[in-house]
Amino acid sequence: MLKALSVTAAATLLAASLSFADQAPSKVVIPVDRTASTDAKQMYTSYCAPCHGTDGKGHGPVAASLKSQPTDLTVIQKNNQGKFPDAHVAAILQFGAEVPAHGTATMPIWGPILGSMNRANVQDKQLRISNLTRYLQSIQVK
């Protein structure tokens, strides 16, 4: 009787372990709180820092749970021959990119999210993207 109970318990434990191992990895969810469209640092802290880190180097608190390392946002200018590609950065914020970490659940496409914050003012999304782009330019390594 005790042996049968032990075997049943072991089988149940094994089945439970296999069901947990078979589950898909959880998605990272970044809460999107309303921020001031003129406060780019606050927007960065709220939307970008969880993955890219407060210093922009790609080591935010959720970075370890992502499939690919977030981009070091402080070397964008350096990686573009010393010129900050502001139009390209704004386009990535609005539409995503062909980089595996961008445009998927790993990096939200912020354009629609930022645009939904103030539907009465269609220019608000562009103001947010413009200010966030300028903030990213301000954190570039020299």
N, C-alpha and C. Protein backbone atom coordinates (compact mmCIF):
# COMPACT_ATOMS: atom_id res chain seq x y z
N MET A 1 0.82 -1.20 0.00
CA MET A 1 0.00 0.00 0.00
C MET A 1 0.86 1.26 0.00
N LEU A 2 1.89 1.29 0.85
CA LEU A 2 2.77 2.44 0.93
C LEU A 2 3.56 2.61 -0.38
N LYS A 3 3.96 1.45 -0.95
CA LYS A 3 4.70 1.49 -2.21
C LYS A 3 3.82 2.04 -3.33
N ALA A 4 2.58 1.62 -3.40
CA ALA A 4 1.65 2.10 -4.42
C ALA A 4 1.40 3.60 -4.28
N LEU A 5 1.28 4.05 -3.04
CA LEU A 5 1.07 5.47 -2.77
C LEU A 5 2.29 6.28 -3.20
N SER A 6 3.50 5.77 -2.93
CA SER A 6 4.73 6.45 -3.33
C SER A 6 4.86 6.55 -4.84
N VAL A 7 4.52 5.45 -5.53
CA VAL A 7 4.58 5.45 -6.99
C VAL A 7 3.58 6.44 -7.57
N THR A 8 2.37 6.49 -7.01
CA THR A 8 1.35 7.43 -7.48
C THR A 8 1.80 8.87 -7.25
N ALA A 9 2.37 9.14 -6.09
CA ALA A 9 2.85 10.50 -5.78
C ALA A 9 3.98 10.90 -6.73
N ALA A 10 4.90 9.97 -7.00
CA ALA A 10 6.01 10.26 -7.90
C ALA A 10 5.50 10.53 -9.32
N ALA A 11 4.53 9.75 -9.77
CA ALA A 11 3.97 9.93 -11.11
C ALA A 11 3.26 11.28 -11.21
N THR A 12 2.54 11.65 -10.17
CA THR A 12 1.85 12.94 -10.16
C THR A 12 2.84 14.09 -10.20
N LEU A 13 3.90 13.97 -9.42
CA LEU A 13 4.93 15.01 -9.39
C LEU A 13 5.62 15.13 -10.75
N LEU A 14 5.91 14.00 -11.38
CA LEU A 14 6.52 14.01 -12.70
C LEU A 14 5.60 14.66 -13.73
N ALA A 15 4.33 14.32 -13.71
CA ALA A 15 3.37 14.91 -14.65
C ALA A 15 3.26 16.42 -14.45
N ALA A 16 3.23 16.85 -13.20
CA ALA A 16 3.15 18.29 -12.92
C ALA A 16 4.41 19.01 -13.41
N SER A 17 5.59 18.41 -13.22
CA SER A 17 6.84 19.02 -13.67
C SER A 17 6.86 19.17 -15.17
N LEU A 18 6.42 18.13 -15.87
CA LEU A 18 6.42 18.19 -17.32
C LEU A 18 5.45 19.24 -17.85
N SER A 19 4.32 19.40 -17.20
CA SER A 19 3.36 20.39 -17.68
C SER A 19 3.90 21.81 -17.50
N PHE A 20 4.64 22.06 -16.40
CA PHE A 20 5.23 23.38 -16.20
C PHE A 20 6.37 23.63 -17.18
N ALA A 21 7.16 22.59 -17.47
CA ALA A 21 8.29 22.74 -18.39
C ALA A 21 7.81 22.99 -19.81
N ASP A 22 6.59 22.56 -20.13
CA ASP A 22 6.07 22.67 -21.48
C ASP A 22 5.42 24.03 -21.76
N GLN A 23 5.28 24.86 -20.73
CA GLN A 23 4.61 26.14 -20.92
C GLN A 23 5.51 27.12 -21.66
N ALA A 24 4.90 27.99 -22.44
CA ALA A 24 5.65 29.02 -23.18
C ALA A 24 6.19 30.04 -22.20
N PRO A 25 7.33 30.68 -22.52
CA PRO A 25 7.87 31.69 -21.63
C PRO A 25 6.90 32.87 -21.52
N SER A 26 6.87 33.48 -20.36
CA SER A 26 5.95 34.60 -20.17
C SER A 26 6.48 35.84 -20.88
N LYS A 27 5.57 36.70 -21.30
CA LYS A 27 5.93 37.94 -21.96
C LYS A 27 6.20 39.00 -20.91
N VAL A 28 7.10 39.89 -21.23
CA VAL A 28 7.40 41.01 -20.35
C VAL A 28 6.35 42.08 -20.60
N VAL A 29 5.74 42.56 -19.55
CA VAL A 29 4.71 43.58 -19.68
C VAL A 29 5.22 44.85 -19.00
N ILE A 30 5.28 45.92 -19.77
CA ILE A 30 5.69 47.21 -19.23
C ILE A 30 4.44 48.04 -19.05
N PRO A 31 4.12 48.41 -17.81
CA PRO A 31 2.93 49.23 -17.61
C PRO A 31 3.10 50.59 -18.28
N VAL A 32 2.08 51.04 -18.96
CA VAL A 32 2.16 52.31 -19.68
C VAL A 32 1.31 53.32 -18.93
N ASP A 33 1.98 54.06 -18.07
CA ASP A 33 1.30 55.12 -17.33
C ASP A 33 1.41 56.40 -18.15
N ARG A 34 0.39 57.21 -18.02
CA ARG A 34 0.39 58.49 -18.74
C ARG A 34 1.50 59.37 -18.18
N THR A 35 2.28 59.93 -19.09
CA THR A 35 3.34 60.85 -18.72
C THR A 35 3.12 62.16 -19.45
N ALA A 36 3.81 63.18 -19.00
CA ALA A 36 3.73 64.48 -19.67
C ALA A 36 4.44 64.39 -21.01
N SER A 37 3.81 64.87 -22.06
CA SER A 37 4.41 64.79 -23.40
C SER A 37 5.66 65.67 -23.52
N THR A 38 5.83 66.59 -22.61
CA THR A 38 7.00 67.47 -22.64
C THR A 38 8.14 66.97 -21.77
N ASP A 39 7.92 65.94 -20.96
CA ASP A 39 8.96 65.44 -20.05
C ASP A 39 9.58 64.16 -20.63
N ALA A 40 10.57 64.35 -21.48
CA ALA A 40 11.19 63.22 -22.17
C ALA A 40 11.89 62.27 -21.21
N LYS A 41 12.52 62.80 -20.17
CA LYS A 41 13.20 61.92 -19.22
C LYS A 41 12.19 61.03 -18.50
N GLN A 42 11.05 61.58 -18.14
CA GLN A 42 10.00 60.78 -17.50
C GLN A 42 9.48 59.71 -18.46
N MET A 43 9.30 60.08 -19.73
CA MET A 43 8.86 59.09 -20.72
C MET A 43 9.89 57.98 -20.84
N TYR A 44 11.17 58.35 -20.94
CA TYR A 44 12.23 57.35 -21.05
C TYR A 44 12.21 56.42 -19.84
N THR A 45 12.13 56.99 -18.66
CA THR A 45 12.13 56.20 -17.43
C THR A 45 10.95 55.24 -17.40
N SER A 46 9.79 55.70 -17.83
CA SER A 46 8.59 54.88 -17.81
C SER A 46 8.57 53.81 -18.90
N TYR A 47 8.97 54.17 -20.11
CA TYR A 47 8.77 53.28 -21.25
C TYR A 47 10.02 52.51 -21.67
N CYS A 48 11.18 53.11 -21.54
CA CYS A 48 12.40 52.52 -22.10
C CYS A 48 13.31 51.88 -21.05
N ALA A 49 13.42 52.52 -19.88
CA ALA A 49 14.36 52.06 -18.86
C ALA A 49 14.12 50.64 -18.35
N PRO A 50 12.88 50.13 -18.32
CA PRO A 50 12.74 48.75 -17.85
C PRO A 50 13.61 47.76 -18.64
N CYS A 51 13.79 47.99 -19.92
CA CYS A 51 14.63 47.10 -20.74
C CYS A 51 16.03 47.68 -20.97
N HIS A 52 16.09 48.96 -21.36
CA HIS A 52 17.36 49.57 -21.73
C HIS A 52 18.14 50.12 -20.54
N GLY A 53 17.55 50.17 -19.37
CA GLY A 53 18.23 50.67 -18.17
C GLY A 53 18.16 52.17 -18.06
N THR A 54 18.28 52.67 -16.86
CA THR A 54 18.21 54.13 -16.65
C THR A 54 19.38 54.83 -17.32
N ASP A 55 20.51 54.12 -17.50
CA ASP A 55 21.66 54.71 -18.17
C ASP A 55 21.64 54.49 -19.69
N GLY A 56 20.66 53.71 -20.19
CA GLY A 56 20.52 53.49 -21.63
C GLY A 56 21.44 52.42 -22.20
N LYS A 57 22.19 51.73 -21.36
CA LYS A 57 23.18 50.78 -21.85
C LYS A 57 22.63 49.37 -22.10
N GLY A 58 21.32 49.17 -21.89
CA GLY A 58 20.72 47.88 -22.21
C GLY A 58 20.64 46.90 -21.07
N HIS A 59 20.80 47.39 -19.84
CA HIS A 59 20.80 46.49 -18.70
C HIS A 59 19.70 46.84 -17.70
N GLY A 60 18.49 47.01 -18.21
CA GLY A 60 17.36 47.33 -17.34
C GLY A 60 16.94 46.12 -16.53
N PRO A 61 16.05 46.31 -15.57
CA PRO A 61 15.65 45.22 -14.68
C PRO A 61 14.99 44.03 -15.37
N VAL A 62 14.38 44.22 -16.54
CA VAL A 62 13.75 43.08 -17.22
C VAL A 62 14.60 42.55 -18.38
N ALA A 63 15.77 43.12 -18.61
CA ALA A 63 16.60 42.73 -19.75
C ALA A 63 16.96 41.24 -19.72
N ALA A 64 17.20 40.70 -18.55
CA ALA A 64 17.59 39.29 -18.45
C ALA A 64 16.48 38.34 -18.89
N SER A 65 15.25 38.78 -18.84
CA SER A 65 14.14 37.91 -19.23
C SER A 65 13.80 37.98 -20.72
N LEU A 66 14.52 38.81 -21.47
CA LEU A 66 14.26 38.96 -22.90
C LEU A 66 15.09 37.96 -23.71
N LYS A 67 14.61 37.64 -24.91
CA LYS A 67 15.31 36.69 -25.77
C LYS A 67 16.62 37.25 -26.30
N SER A 68 16.67 38.57 -26.55
CA SER A 68 17.91 39.19 -27.02
C SER A 68 18.19 40.42 -26.16
N GLN A 69 19.46 40.72 -26.02
CA GLN A 69 19.91 41.85 -25.20
C GLN A 69 19.40 43.17 -25.80
N PRO A 70 18.79 44.02 -24.97
CA PRO A 70 18.35 45.33 -25.49
C PRO A 70 19.54 46.15 -26.00
N THR A 71 19.28 46.96 -26.98
CA THR A 71 20.30 47.81 -27.59
C THR A 71 20.85 48.81 -26.60
N ASP A 72 22.15 49.06 -26.68
CA ASP A 72 22.79 50.12 -25.91
C ASP A 72 22.44 51.43 -26.62
N LEU A 73 21.55 52.19 -26.03
CA LEU A 73 21.06 53.41 -26.66
C LEU A 73 22.05 54.57 -26.57
N THR A 74 23.13 54.40 -25.83
CA THR A 74 24.10 55.49 -25.68
C THR A 74 25.12 55.53 -26.81
N VAL A 75 25.12 54.53 -27.68
CA VAL A 75 26.11 54.49 -28.78
C VAL A 75 25.46 54.59 -30.16
N ILE A 76 24.23 55.06 -30.21
CA ILE A 76 23.55 55.20 -31.50
C ILE A 76 24.34 56.14 -32.40
N GLN A 77 24.74 57.28 -31.89
CA GLN A 77 25.49 58.27 -32.67
C GLN A 77 26.85 57.70 -33.08
N LYS A 78 27.54 57.07 -32.16
CA LYS A 78 28.85 56.48 -32.44
C LYS A 78 28.74 55.42 -33.54
N ASN A 79 27.67 54.64 -33.52
CA ASN A 79 27.48 53.59 -34.52
C ASN A 79 27.01 54.13 -35.86
N ASN A 80 26.78 55.43 -35.95
CA ASN A 80 26.34 56.07 -37.20
C ASN A 80 27.31 57.17 -37.61
N GLN A 81 28.60 56.87 -37.55
CA GLN A 81 29.67 57.77 -37.97
C GLN A 81 29.58 59.15 -37.30
N GLY A 82 29.19 59.17 -36.03
CA GLY A 82 29.18 60.42 -35.27
C GLY A 82 27.96 61.30 -35.49
N LYS A 83 27.00 60.85 -36.28
CA LYS A 83 25.79 61.65 -36.52
C LYS A 83 24.60 60.91 -35.92
N PHE A 84 23.84 61.61 -35.11
CA PHE A 84 22.66 61.00 -34.51
C PHE A 84 21.55 60.93 -35.56
N PRO A 85 21.05 59.73 -35.87
CA PRO A 85 20.03 59.57 -36.91
C PRO A 85 18.61 59.81 -36.35
N ASP A 86 18.30 61.06 -36.07
CA ASP A 86 17.05 61.37 -35.39
C ASP A 86 15.81 60.89 -36.14
N ALA A 87 15.78 61.00 -37.45
CA ALA A 87 14.61 60.54 -38.20
C ALA A 87 14.46 59.02 -38.10
N HIS A 88 15.59 58.31 -38.13
CA HIS A 88 15.57 56.85 -38.01
C HIS A 88 15.09 56.42 -36.62
N VAL A 89 15.59 57.08 -35.59
CA VAL A 89 15.19 56.77 -34.21
C VAL A 89 13.69 57.04 -34.04
N ALA A 90 13.22 58.17 -34.54
CA ALA A 90 11.79 58.49 -34.45
C ALA A 90 10.95 57.44 -35.17
N ALA A 91 11.44 56.98 -36.32
CA ALA A 91 10.70 55.96 -37.08
C ALA A 91 10.65 54.64 -36.31
N ILE A 92 11.73 54.27 -35.63
CA ILE A 92 11.74 53.04 -34.82
C ILE A 92 10.73 53.18 -33.68
N LEU A 93 10.72 54.34 -33.04
CA LEU A 93 9.76 54.54 -31.94
C LEU A 93 8.33 54.44 -32.44
N GLN A 94 8.08 54.94 -33.62
CA GLN A 94 6.72 54.96 -34.13
C GLN A 94 6.31 53.65 -34.81
N PHE A 95 7.23 53.03 -35.57
CA PHE A 95 6.84 51.88 -36.40
C PHE A 95 7.56 50.58 -36.09
N GLY A 96 8.60 50.60 -35.26
CA GLY A 96 9.39 49.40 -35.02
C GLY A 96 10.52 49.32 -36.03
N ALA A 97 11.24 48.20 -36.02
CA ALA A 97 12.39 48.03 -36.91
C ALA A 97 12.54 46.57 -37.30
N GLU A 98 13.48 46.31 -38.18
CA GLU A 98 13.75 44.95 -38.63
C GLU A 98 14.72 44.21 -37.71
N VAL A 99 15.02 44.77 -36.56
CA VAL A 99 15.88 44.13 -35.57
C VAL A 99 15.01 43.13 -34.81
N PRO A 100 15.50 41.89 -34.57
CA PRO A 100 14.65 40.89 -33.92
C PRO A 100 14.01 41.36 -32.60
N ALA A 101 14.70 42.18 -31.84
CA ALA A 101 14.14 42.62 -30.57
C ALA A 101 13.12 43.74 -30.73
N HIS A 102 13.02 44.31 -31.91
CA HIS A 102 12.11 45.43 -32.13
C HIS A 102 10.89 45.02 -32.94
N GLY A 103 9.80 45.65 -32.65
CA GLY A 103 8.59 45.42 -33.41
C GLY A 103 7.85 44.17 -32.98
N THR A 104 8.30 43.51 -31.95
CA THR A 104 7.61 42.34 -31.42
C THR A 104 7.20 42.66 -30.00
N ALA A 105 6.71 41.65 -29.30
CA ALA A 105 6.35 41.87 -27.90
C ALA A 105 7.58 42.23 -27.08
N THR A 106 8.77 41.92 -27.59
CA THR A 106 9.99 42.26 -26.87
C THR A 106 10.16 43.77 -26.78
N MET A 107 9.96 44.47 -27.88
CA MET A 107 9.98 45.93 -27.83
C MET A 107 8.69 46.43 -28.44
N PRO A 108 7.84 47.01 -27.63
CA PRO A 108 6.59 47.53 -28.19
C PRO A 108 6.86 48.62 -29.21
N ILE A 109 6.00 48.70 -30.20
CA ILE A 109 6.04 49.82 -31.13
C ILE A 109 5.29 50.94 -30.44
N TRP A 110 6.01 51.98 -30.05
CA TRP A 110 5.45 52.98 -29.16
C TRP A 110 4.50 53.95 -29.86
N GLY A 111 4.58 54.10 -31.17
CA GLY A 111 3.72 55.06 -31.86
C GLY A 111 2.25 54.93 -31.52
N PRO A 112 1.64 53.75 -31.71
CA PRO A 112 0.22 53.60 -31.37
C PRO A 112 -0.07 53.78 -29.88
N ILE A 113 0.87 53.34 -29.04
CA ILE A 113 0.67 53.47 -27.59
C ILE A 113 0.69 54.94 -27.19
N LEU A 114 1.70 55.67 -27.67
CA LEU A 114 1.81 57.09 -27.33
C LEU A 114 0.66 57.88 -27.96
N GLY A 115 0.21 57.47 -29.13
CA GLY A 115 -0.89 58.15 -29.79
C GLY A 115 -2.21 57.98 -29.08
N SER A 116 -2.38 56.88 -28.35
CA SER A 116 -3.64 56.63 -27.66
C SER A 116 -3.75 57.41 -26.35
N MET A 117 -2.67 58.04 -25.92
CA MET A 117 -2.69 58.75 -24.64
C MET A 117 -3.49 60.03 -24.69
N ASN A 118 -3.56 60.66 -25.82
CA ASN A 118 -4.29 61.92 -25.93
C ASN A 118 -4.94 61.97 -27.31
N ARG A 119 -6.02 61.23 -27.47
CA ARG A 119 -6.68 61.12 -28.78
C ARG A 119 -7.23 62.46 -29.27
N ALA A 120 -7.50 63.37 -28.36
CA ALA A 120 -8.05 64.66 -28.75
C ALA A 120 -7.00 65.54 -29.43
N ASN A 121 -5.72 65.24 -29.21
CA ASN A 121 -4.65 66.05 -29.77
C ASN A 121 -3.75 65.15 -30.61
N VAL A 122 -3.93 65.16 -31.91
CA VAL A 122 -3.17 64.27 -32.80
C VAL A 122 -1.68 64.63 -32.84
N GLN A 123 -1.34 65.85 -32.49
CA GLN A 123 0.06 66.27 -32.49
C GLN A 123 0.80 65.77 -31.24
N ASP A 124 0.06 65.31 -30.24
CA ASP A 124 0.67 64.87 -28.99
C ASP A 124 1.61 63.69 -29.22
N LYS A 125 1.23 62.73 -30.07
CA LYS A 125 2.09 61.57 -30.35
C LYS A 125 3.40 62.03 -30.97
N GLN A 126 3.34 62.93 -31.94
CA GLN A 126 4.55 63.41 -32.59
C GLN A 126 5.42 64.18 -31.60
N LEU A 127 4.79 64.95 -30.71
CA LEU A 127 5.54 65.68 -29.69
C LEU A 127 6.25 64.71 -28.77
N ARG A 128 5.57 63.66 -28.36
CA ARG A 128 6.18 62.65 -27.48
C ARG A 128 7.36 61.97 -28.17
N ILE A 129 7.17 61.55 -29.41
CA ILE A 129 8.24 60.87 -30.14
C ILE A 129 9.42 61.82 -30.37
N SER A 130 9.14 63.06 -30.73
CA SER A 130 10.19 64.05 -30.94
C SER A 130 10.99 64.30 -29.66
N ASN A 131 10.29 64.49 -28.55
CA ASN A 131 10.97 64.74 -27.28
C ASN A 131 11.76 63.53 -26.81
N LEU A 132 11.23 62.35 -27.00
CA LEU A 132 11.94 61.14 -26.61
C LEU A 132 13.18 60.94 -27.49
N THR A 133 13.07 61.25 -28.77
CA THR A 133 14.22 61.18 -29.68
C THR A 133 15.31 62.15 -29.23
N ARG A 134 14.92 63.38 -28.88
CA ARG A 134 15.92 64.37 -28.40
C ARG A 134 16.56 63.91 -27.10
N TYR A 135 15.78 63.27 -26.23
CA TYR A 135 16.36 62.76 -24.99
C TYR A 135 17.41 61.69 -25.29
N LEU A 136 17.10 60.78 -26.22
CA LEU A 136 18.07 59.75 -26.58
C LEU A 136 19.32 60.39 -27.17
N GLN A 137 19.17 61.44 -27.91
CA GLN A 137 20.34 62.14 -28.44
C GLN A 137 21.18 62.73 -27.31
N SER A 138 20.52 63.17 -26.25
CA SER A 138 21.24 63.78 -25.13
C SER A 138 22.05 62.79 -24.30
N ILE A 139 21.77 61.50 -24.39
CA ILE A 139 22.51 60.52 -23.59
C ILE A 139 23.60 59.80 -24.39
N GLN A 140 23.92 60.30 -25.58
CA GLN A 140 24.96 59.67 -26.39
C GLN A 140 26.34 59.89 -25.78
N VAL A 141 27.19 58.84 -25.85
CA VAL A 141 28.57 58.97 -25.38
C VAL A 141 29.32 59.88 -26.33
N LYS A 142 30.23 60.62 -25.79
CA LYS A 142 31.01 61.57 -26.61
C LYS A 142 32.29 60.93 -27.06
